[in-house]
């Protein structure tokens, strides 16, 4: 995927309780009758009104999360309501790739649009806010140690 516009920390709510953790979640794979398999985790959000934040992690099994993002959002919004923040988490599959976390939004055109949450470049004007959010919640989302201060930087991990 090409370089993405950075997300804003204002789009990322504080996390509450983890209410779903399914490492083999079957998701719709777009317009076909196929299914994909991903790791789904859903938290409540500490917002008014309360909502949900869902993280879908690509597993490499069946259909791509990126290809199915619109169908995934529709499925999750139907289950958890429209106050839903969807993050796509892509693990590093090869040495030349980087692990990343993208915010998925559904535009007025009905199509998914992505903005980068992590990693973000130090010279990005939104970096400080994104860094603060990922430092607070990233260890829950990408399963990295919260006390490892270097993990949120844009480096080959």
Protein backbone atom coordinates (compact mmCIF):
# COMPACT_ATOMS: atom_id res chain seq x y z
CA UNK A 1 0.00 0.00 0.00
CA UNK A 2 1.28 3.48 -0.80
CA UNK A 3 2.28 6.00 1.83
CA UNK A 4 -0.80 7.04 3.75
CA UNK A 5 -1.89 10.36 5.18
CA UNK A 6 -1.37 10.21 8.94
CA UNK A 7 -4.45 9.78 11.09
CA UNK A 8 -5.23 12.21 13.88
CA UNK A 9 -5.13 11.21 17.53
CA UNK A 10 -8.54 12.92 17.79
CA UNK A 11 -9.95 10.00 15.79
CA UNK A 12 -8.65 7.44 18.29
CA UNK A 13 -10.68 6.98 21.48
CA UNK A 14 -9.42 5.83 24.87
CA UNK A 15 -9.90 2.09 25.30
CA UNK A 16 -12.09 0.47 27.90
CA UNK A 17 -12.68 -3.24 28.39
CA UNK A 18 -11.69 -5.90 25.88
CA UNK A 19 -15.01 -7.59 25.01
CA UNK A 20 -14.04 -9.82 22.07
CA UNK A 21 -10.84 -11.66 21.18
CA UNK A 22 -11.25 -14.16 18.35
CA UNK A 23 -7.98 -15.26 16.71
CA UNK A 24 -9.86 -17.12 13.95
CA UNK A 25 -12.73 -14.74 13.20
CA UNK A 26 -14.44 -15.47 9.90
CA UNK A 27 -15.22 -12.29 8.03
CA UNK A 28 -17.02 -11.53 4.78
CA UNK A 29 -14.62 -11.26 1.85
CA UNK A 30 -16.21 -8.46 -0.13
CA UNK A 31 -18.87 -9.06 -2.76
CA UNK A 32 -18.13 -12.76 -3.23
CA UNK A 33 -19.53 -15.55 -1.10
CA UNK A 34 -16.04 -16.29 0.21
CA UNK A 35 -14.86 -15.74 3.75
CA UNK A 36 -11.59 -14.59 5.20
CA UNK A 37 -10.01 -15.36 8.54
CA UNK A 38 -8.50 -12.67 10.76
CA UNK A 39 -7.75 -11.98 14.42
CA UNK A 40 -10.54 -9.75 15.75
CA UNK A 41 -10.31 -7.83 19.01
CA UNK A 42 -12.96 -5.36 20.18
CA UNK A 43 -12.79 -2.93 23.08
CA UNK A 44 -15.40 -0.64 24.50
CA UNK A 45 -14.38 3.01 24.31
CA UNK A 46 -14.30 5.43 27.21
CA UNK A 47 -16.27 8.09 25.35
CA UNK A 48 -19.64 9.83 25.60
CA UNK A 49 -21.62 8.22 24.13
CA UNK A 50 -19.77 4.92 24.50
CA UNK A 51 -18.66 3.11 21.36
CA UNK A 52 -16.29 0.39 20.24
CA UNK A 53 -12.83 0.11 18.75
CA UNK A 54 -12.18 -2.99 16.65
CA UNK A 55 -8.78 -4.20 15.49
CA UNK A 56 -8.66 -6.71 12.67
CA UNK A 57 -5.26 -8.34 12.18
CA UNK A 58 -4.37 -9.98 8.89
CA UNK A 59 -3.56 -13.68 9.39
CA UNK A 60 -2.73 -14.60 5.80
CA UNK A 61 -5.56 -17.14 5.79
CA UNK A 62 -8.03 -16.81 2.90
CA UNK A 63 -9.18 -13.32 1.87
CA UNK A 64 -7.20 -10.15 2.59
CA UNK A 65 -8.43 -7.82 5.33
CA UNK A 66 -7.56 -4.84 3.12
CA UNK A 67 -9.66 -6.16 0.24
CA UNK A 68 -12.58 -6.89 2.56
CA UNK A 69 -12.37 -3.72 4.70
CA UNK A 70 -15.74 -2.33 3.59
CA UNK A 71 -17.55 -5.60 4.25
CA UNK A 72 -15.74 -6.01 7.57
CA UNK A 73 -16.79 -2.52 8.68
CA UNK A 74 -20.42 -3.20 7.71
CA UNK A 75 -20.43 -6.52 9.61
CA UNK A 76 -18.91 -4.97 12.75
CA UNK A 77 -21.09 -1.84 12.61
CA UNK A 78 -24.13 -4.14 12.41
CA UNK A 79 -22.94 -6.00 15.50
CA UNK A 80 -21.50 -3.15 17.61
CA UNK A 81 -23.26 -0.04 16.27
CA UNK A 82 -22.18 2.91 14.18
CA UNK A 83 -19.97 4.40 16.92
CA UNK A 84 -17.23 2.09 15.71
CA UNK A 85 -13.58 2.81 15.08
CA UNK A 86 -11.94 0.19 12.87
CA UNK A 87 -8.19 -0.34 12.79
CA UNK A 88 -6.47 -2.67 10.35
CA UNK A 89 -3.33 -4.22 11.83
CA UNK A 90 -0.81 -5.69 9.41
CA UNK A 91 1.99 -7.76 10.87
CA UNK A 92 5.40 -7.86 9.26
CA UNK A 93 5.49 -10.88 6.94
CA UNK A 94 8.98 -10.40 5.46
CA UNK A 95 12.17 -8.52 6.42
CA UNK A 96 11.50 -5.71 3.92
CA UNK A 97 7.99 -5.09 5.31
CA UNK A 98 7.00 -3.10 8.37
CA UNK A 99 4.24 -3.81 10.83
CA UNK A 100 1.63 -1.06 10.73
CA UNK A 101 -1.73 0.04 12.04
CA UNK A 102 -4.21 1.93 9.85
CA UNK A 103 -7.51 3.64 10.62
CA UNK A 104 -10.23 2.51 8.20
CA UNK A 105 -13.08 4.91 7.46
CA UNK A 106 -16.00 4.42 5.13
CA UNK A 107 -16.41 7.48 2.92
CA UNK A 108 -19.56 9.03 1.50
CA UNK A 109 -18.83 6.97 -1.61
CA UNK A 110 -19.27 3.80 0.48
CA UNK A 111 -15.64 2.84 -0.05
CA UNK A 112 -13.01 2.29 2.65
CA UNK A 113 -10.25 4.88 3.06
CA UNK A 114 -7.14 4.37 5.18
CA UNK A 115 -5.01 6.72 7.26
CA UNK A 116 -1.82 5.66 9.04
CA UNK A 117 -1.87 5.46 12.84
CA UNK A 118 1.45 3.72 13.44
CA UNK A 119 4.26 4.08 12.72
CA UNK A 120 4.30 7.81 12.10
CA UNK A 121 7.30 9.89 11.15
CA UNK A 122 8.83 12.18 13.76
CA UNK A 123 8.43 15.19 11.45
CA UNK A 124 4.68 14.58 11.04
CA UNK A 125 2.73 17.42 12.75
CA UNK A 126 0.36 14.78 14.19
CA UNK A 127 3.18 12.59 15.48
CA UNK A 128 3.04 13.70 19.14
CA UNK A 129 -0.67 12.93 19.47
CA UNK A 130 -0.39 9.61 17.65
CA UNK A 131 2.67 8.70 19.73
CA UNK A 132 0.81 9.48 22.96
CA UNK A 133 -2.16 7.31 21.92
CA UNK A 134 -0.03 4.39 20.70
CA UNK A 135 2.12 4.58 23.84
CA UNK A 136 -1.02 4.38 26.00
CA UNK A 137 -2.83 1.65 24.06
CA UNK A 138 -0.49 0.17 21.48
CA UNK A 139 0.78 -2.60 23.73
CA UNK A 140 -2.78 -3.97 23.88
CA UNK A 141 -3.30 -3.66 20.14
CA UNK A 142 -0.03 -4.91 18.68
CA UNK A 143 1.02 -7.02 21.68
CA UNK A 144 4.29 -5.26 22.32
CA UNK A 145 5.72 -4.37 25.69
CA UNK A 146 4.35 -1.08 27.01
CA UNK A 147 7.66 -0.26 28.67
CA UNK A 148 9.65 -0.57 25.42
CA UNK A 149 9.75 3.11 24.48
CA UNK A 150 11.36 2.46 21.11
CA UNK A 151 8.65 0.25 19.63
CA UNK A 152 6.40 3.02 18.28
CA UNK A 153 9.09 4.59 16.11
CA UNK A 154 9.21 4.10 12.36
CA UNK A 155 12.00 1.56 12.34
CA UNK A 156 12.48 -2.00 11.25
CA UNK A 157 11.24 -4.02 14.24
